[in-house]
């Protein structure tokens, strides 16, 4: 499984009831992405990529695209 598939999988597990086609455009506070789903998402991403996100990165992780930028800091290319 590639990194993009892992990333998408984390979103699918954490944010329920969102169409696959809508995941790439998701932003925090969109349908299903509340504070609880956010923490589940962070956990799923940490597990998928075997990393520990800094607190600032958890706070800044505000969209699907922003998350891709943050993961680059951890040498993870999607």
C-alpha atoms as a PDB file:
ATOM      1  CA  UNK A   1       0.000   0.000   0.000  1.00  0.00           C
ATOM      2  CA  UNK A   2       1.368   3.392  -0.988  1.00  0.00           C
ATOM      3  CA  UNK A   3       1.496   6.498   1.149  1.00  0.00           C
ATOM      4  CA  UNK A   4      -1.470   8.147  -0.557  1.00  0.00           C
ATOM      5  CA  UNK A   5      -3.600   5.069   0.030  1.00  0.00           C
ATOM      6  CA  UNK A   6      -2.585   5.062   3.717  1.00  0.00           C
ATOM      7  CA  UNK A   7      -3.460   8.755   3.977  1.00  0.00           C
ATOM      8  CA  UNK A   8      -6.850   8.287   2.321  1.00  0.00           C
ATOM      9  CA  UNK A   9      -7.485   5.248   4.509  1.00  0.00           C
ATOM     10  CA  UNK A  10      -6.864   7.283   7.660  1.00  0.00           C
ATOM     11  CA  UNK A  11      -9.475   9.816   6.535  1.00  0.00           C
ATOM     12  CA  UNK A  12     -11.991   7.081   5.695  1.00  0.00           C
ATOM     13  CA  UNK A  13     -11.581   5.493   9.126  1.00  0.00           C
ATOM     14  CA  UNK A  14     -11.719   8.753  11.075  1.00  0.00           C
ATOM     15  CA  UNK A  15     -14.396  10.688   9.223  1.00  0.00           C
ATOM     16  CA  UNK A  16     -17.538   8.658   8.701  1.00  0.00           C
ATOM     17  CA  UNK A  17     -20.261   9.325   6.158  1.00  0.00           C
ATOM     18  CA  UNK A  18     -18.108  11.219   3.680  1.00  0.00           C
ATOM     19  CA  UNK A  19     -18.031  10.292   0.011  1.00  0.00           C
ATOM     20  CA  UNK A  20     -14.665   9.085  -1.298  1.00  0.00           C
ATOM     21  CA  UNK A  21     -14.813  11.753  -4.003  1.00  0.00           C
ATOM     22  CA  UNK A  22     -15.128  14.495  -1.343  1.00  0.00           C
ATOM     23  CA  UNK A  23     -12.151  13.489   0.811  1.00  0.00           C
ATOM     24  CA  UNK A  24      -9.542  15.442  -1.178  1.00  0.00           C
ATOM     25  CA  UNK A  25     -11.434  18.692  -0.608  1.00  0.00           C
ATOM     26  CA  UNK A  26     -12.174  18.183   3.078  1.00  0.00           C
ATOM     27  CA  UNK A  27     -11.529  20.902   5.628  1.00  0.00           C
ATOM     28  CA  UNK A  28     -11.835  20.851   9.391  1.00  0.00           C
ATOM     29  CA  UNK A  29     -15.424  21.473  10.493  1.00  0.00           C
ATOM     30  CA  UNK A  30     -16.773  20.108   7.206  1.00  0.00           C
ATOM     31  CA  UNK A  31     -19.314  17.315   7.353  1.00  0.00           C
ATOM     32  CA  UNK A  32     -18.145  14.748   9.875  1.00  0.00           C
ATOM     33  CA  UNK A  33     -14.776  16.360  10.674  1.00  0.00           C
ATOM     34  CA  UNK A  34     -15.345  17.582  14.203  1.00  0.00           C
ATOM     35  CA  UNK A  35     -12.922  17.672  17.132  1.00  0.00           C
ATOM     36  CA  UNK A  36     -13.414  13.994  17.985  1.00  0.00           C
ATOM     37  CA  UNK A  37     -12.899  12.892  14.378  1.00  0.00           C
ATOM     38  CA  UNK A  38      -9.841  15.143  14.254  1.00  0.00           C
ATOM     39  CA  UNK A  39      -8.174  13.303  17.134  1.00  0.00           C
ATOM     40  CA  UNK A  40      -9.071   9.939  15.596  1.00  0.00           C
ATOM     41  CA  UNK A  41      -7.594  11.138  12.297  1.00  0.00           C
ATOM     42  CA  UNK A  42      -4.366  12.224  13.975  1.00  0.00           C
ATOM     43  CA  UNK A  43      -4.084   8.839  15.663  1.00  0.00           C
ATOM     44  CA  UNK A  44      -4.762   6.988  12.409  1.00  0.00           C
ATOM     45  CA  UNK A  45      -2.122   9.029  10.585  1.00  0.00           C
ATOM     46  CA  UNK A  46       0.441   8.472  13.325  1.00  0.00           C
ATOM     47  CA  UNK A  47      -0.219   4.737  13.224  1.00  0.00           C
ATOM     48  CA  UNK A  48      -0.223   4.504   9.427  1.00  0.00           C
ATOM     49  CA  UNK A  49       3.107   6.286   9.049  1.00  0.00           C
ATOM     50  CA  UNK A  50       4.727   5.324  12.366  1.00  0.00           C
ATOM     51  CA  UNK A  51       5.288   8.954  13.381  1.00  0.00           C
ATOM     52  CA  UNK A  52       4.450  11.210  16.322  1.00  0.00           C
ATOM     53  CA  UNK A  53       2.938  14.511  15.215  1.00  0.00           C
ATOM     54  CA  UNK A  54       3.997  17.648  17.071  1.00  0.00           C
ATOM     55  CA  UNK A  55       1.228  19.492  18.892  1.00  0.00           C
ATOM     56  CA  UNK A  56       1.548  22.459  16.516  1.00  0.00           C
ATOM     57  CA  UNK A  57       1.093  20.128  13.553  1.00  0.00           C
ATOM     58  CA  UNK A  58      -2.029  18.601  15.094  1.00  0.00           C
ATOM     59  CA  UNK A  59      -3.474  22.085  15.551  1.00  0.00           C
ATOM     60  CA  UNK A  60      -2.443  23.243  12.050  1.00  0.00           C
ATOM     61  CA  UNK A  61      -3.851  20.126  10.361  1.00  0.00           C
ATOM     62  CA  UNK A  62      -6.913  21.912   9.008  1.00  0.00           C
ATOM     63  CA  UNK A  63      -7.531  20.300   5.632  1.00  0.00           C
ATOM     64  CA  UNK A  64      -6.657  17.322   3.465  1.00  0.00           C
ATOM     65  CA  UNK A  65      -4.174  19.476   1.529  1.00  0.00           C
ATOM     66  CA  UNK A  66      -2.627  21.064   4.640  1.00  0.00           C
ATOM     67  CA  UNK A  67      -2.108  17.572   6.026  1.00  0.00           C
ATOM     68  CA  UNK A  68      -0.092  16.649   2.947  1.00  0.00           C
ATOM     69  CA  UNK A  69       2.155  19.664   3.562  1.00  0.00           C
ATOM     70  CA  UNK A  70       2.593  18.734   7.218  1.00  0.00           C
ATOM     71  CA  UNK A  71       3.517  15.151   6.384  1.00  0.00           C
ATOM     72  CA  UNK A  72       6.308  16.414   4.096  1.00  0.00           C
ATOM     73  CA  UNK A  73       8.003  17.719   7.264  1.00  0.00           C
ATOM     74  CA  UNK A  74       8.178  14.078   8.372  1.00  0.00           C
ATOM     75  CA  UNK A  75       9.671  13.020   5.011  1.00  0.00           C
ATOM     76  CA  UNK A  76       6.408  11.454   3.878  1.00  0.00           C
ATOM     77  CA  UNK A  77       5.552  12.140   0.242  1.00  0.00           C
ATOM     78  CA  UNK A  78       2.032  11.452  -0.970  1.00  0.00           C
END
